[in-house]
Amino acid sequence: MGGVQREVVSALSHAELVDLVLRLYGELERTQAALAEAEAVNARLEARVRELETRLGIRSSGTGSANQSPPARPHRKKPRKKRAHGFSRLRSVPTRQVVHALDNCPHCAAPLTGGTVK
C-alpha cells in the first residue's frame, strides 16, 4: 500500500476494508501471473542463448550473460611484396674497443695471459 497511509486505512469501515483486501488480492494474483510469464520467457531466452553460444563455440560463464566476444577469424595475410633492393639497417662501425679481461686470477692471484676472458 504505497499511497495509502495508516490514518486513512484506520478510518475505513469494515466493508471498505474487505473491498480493499479483495482488490489487493486480485492485484497480487495478476502480479504473480505476470511474474510467472516473465520467468517462462526468461527461461526460453536463456535456452536460446545457450543454443546459439554452442553453435558459435562460446562457453557461457553460467551467470546468464556471456561477456565474451565471438571467436576472431584468422587473419589471411597477403604475401609480402618483393623489393628490388634490401632495406635493412647498415652495420655500425665500432668507435672504441673495451677489453674485459683480468690481469690476475681472482682465486689464486696467478698472472693471466691471452687478453680475453676464459
Protein backbone atom coordinates (compact mmCIF):
# COMPACT_ATOMS: atom_id res chain seq x y z
CA MET A 1 0.00 0.00 0.00
CA GLY A 2 2.42 2.64 -1.23
CA GLY A 3 -0.05 5.55 -1.47
CA VAL A 4 -2.36 4.63 1.43
CA GLN A 5 -1.44 5.90 4.88
CA ARG A 6 -2.29 4.30 8.20
CA GLU A 7 -4.64 7.11 9.23
CA VAL A 8 -6.68 6.72 6.03
CA VAL A 9 -6.97 2.94 6.44
CA SER A 10 -7.97 3.20 10.10
CA ALA A 11 -10.88 5.48 9.10
CA LEU A 12 -12.34 2.92 6.64
CA SER A 13 -15.39 0.85 7.54
CA HIS A 14 -15.32 -2.94 7.71
CA ALA A 15 -16.95 -3.27 4.27
CA GLU A 16 -14.44 -0.83 2.75
CA LEU A 17 -11.56 -2.76 4.30
CA VAL A 18 -12.89 -6.04 2.91
CA ASP A 19 -13.23 -4.41 -0.52
CA LEU A 20 -9.64 -3.07 -0.28
CA VAL A 21 -8.28 -6.51 0.71
CA LEU A 22 -10.12 -8.17 -2.20
CA ARG A 23 -8.78 -5.61 -4.69
CA LEU A 24 -5.23 -6.02 -3.35
CA TYR A 25 -5.57 -9.81 -3.52
CA GLY A 26 -6.65 -9.55 -7.17
CA GLU A 27 -3.72 -7.27 -7.92
CA LEU A 28 -1.38 -9.74 -6.19
CA GLU A 29 -2.71 -12.60 -8.36
CA ARG A 30 -2.22 -10.55 -11.54
CA THR A 31 1.31 -9.64 -10.46
CA GLN A 32 2.15 -13.27 -9.72
CA ALA A 33 0.78 -14.35 -13.11
CA ALA A 34 2.85 -11.67 -14.87
CA LEU A 35 5.94 -12.78 -12.92
CA ALA A 36 5.40 -16.43 -13.88
CA GLU A 37 5.05 -15.43 -17.54
CA ALA A 38 8.21 -13.32 -17.38
CA GLU A 39 10.12 -16.20 -15.78
CA ALA A 40 8.95 -18.56 -18.55
CA VAL A 41 10.06 -16.09 -21.25
CA ASN A 42 13.40 -15.68 -19.44
CA ALA A 43 13.92 -19.46 -19.35
CA ARG A 44 13.18 -19.73 -23.10
CA LEU A 45 15.59 -16.89 -23.87
CA GLU A 46 18.35 -18.41 -21.72
CA ALA A 47 17.91 -21.73 -23.52
CA ARG A 48 18.15 -19.94 -26.88
CA VAL A 49 21.30 -18.08 -25.79
CA ARG A 50 22.91 -21.37 -24.71
CA GLU A 51 21.97 -22.92 -28.06
CA LEU A 52 23.48 -20.02 -30.01
CA GLU A 53 26.61 -19.98 -27.84
CA THR A 54 27.04 -23.69 -28.50
CA ARG A 55 26.75 -23.08 -32.25
CA LEU A 56 29.35 -20.30 -32.09
CA GLY A 57 31.65 -22.21 -29.77
CA ILE A 58 31.41 -19.69 -26.95
CA ARG A 59 31.50 -21.01 -23.41
CA SER A 60 28.92 -19.39 -21.16
CA SER A 61 30.00 -18.32 -17.68
CA GLY A 62 26.74 -19.71 -16.26
CA THR A 63 25.63 -16.34 -14.93
CA GLY A 64 23.12 -15.74 -17.69
CA SER A 65 25.27 -13.29 -19.62
CA ALA A 66 28.23 -14.23 -21.75
CA ASN A 67 30.73 -11.39 -21.62
CA GLN A 68 32.75 -12.91 -24.39
CA SER A 69 33.01 -11.84 -27.96
CA PRO A 70 32.71 -14.34 -30.79
CA PRO A 71 35.94 -16.05 -31.77
CA ALA A 72 38.16 -13.97 -34.01
CA ARG A 73 38.56 -15.01 -37.60
CA PRO A 74 42.10 -15.98 -38.58
CA HIS A 75 43.91 -13.23 -40.46
CA ARG A 76 44.78 -14.00 -44.03
CA LYS A 77 47.93 -12.03 -44.62
CA LYS A 78 48.77 -11.12 -48.16
CA PRO A 79 52.22 -12.24 -49.22
CA ARG A 80 54.79 -9.50 -48.80
CA LYS A 81 55.72 -7.63 -51.95
CA LYS A 82 59.22 -8.43 -53.17
CA ARG A 83 61.59 -5.47 -53.15
CA ALA A 84 64.27 -4.79 -55.72
CA HIS A 85 66.77 -3.65 -53.07
CA GLY A 86 67.23 -4.68 -49.46
CA PHE A 87 66.24 -2.05 -46.92
CA SER A 88 67.96 -3.50 -43.88
CA ARG A 89 69.93 -1.36 -41.43
CA LEU A 90 73.62 -0.89 -42.22
CA ARG A 91 76.19 -2.33 -39.86
CA SER A 92 77.61 0.18 -37.41
CA VAL A 93 81.32 1.00 -37.32
CA PRO A 94 82.91 0.50 -33.88
CA THR A 95 84.26 3.68 -32.30
CA ARG A 96 86.29 2.08 -29.50
CA GLN A 97 87.30 -1.30 -28.12
CA VAL A 98 86.91 -2.29 -24.48
CA VAL A 99 88.74 -5.37 -23.17
CA HIS A 100 87.07 -7.05 -20.20
CA ALA A 101 89.86 -9.36 -19.14
CA LEU A 102 91.53 -9.87 -15.76
CA ASP A 103 95.25 -9.48 -15.22
CA ASN A 104 95.31 -11.88 -12.27
CA CYS A 105 93.17 -14.85 -11.26
CA PRO A 106 90.68 -13.83 -8.54
CA HIS A 107 91.16 -17.16 -6.71
CA CYS A 108 94.89 -17.83 -6.75
CA ALA A 109 96.30 -14.45 -7.90
CA ALA A 110 98.29 -16.10 -10.71
CA PRO A 111 99.03 -13.82 -13.68
CA LEU A 112 96.67 -14.37 -16.66
CA THR A 113 97.65 -14.06 -20.30
CA GLY A 114 95.74 -14.19 -23.57
CA GLY A 115 93.78 -10.91 -23.27
CA THR A 116 90.27 -12.45 -23.26
CA VAL A 117 88.01 -13.82 -20.57
CA LYS A 118 88.34 -17.60 -20.26
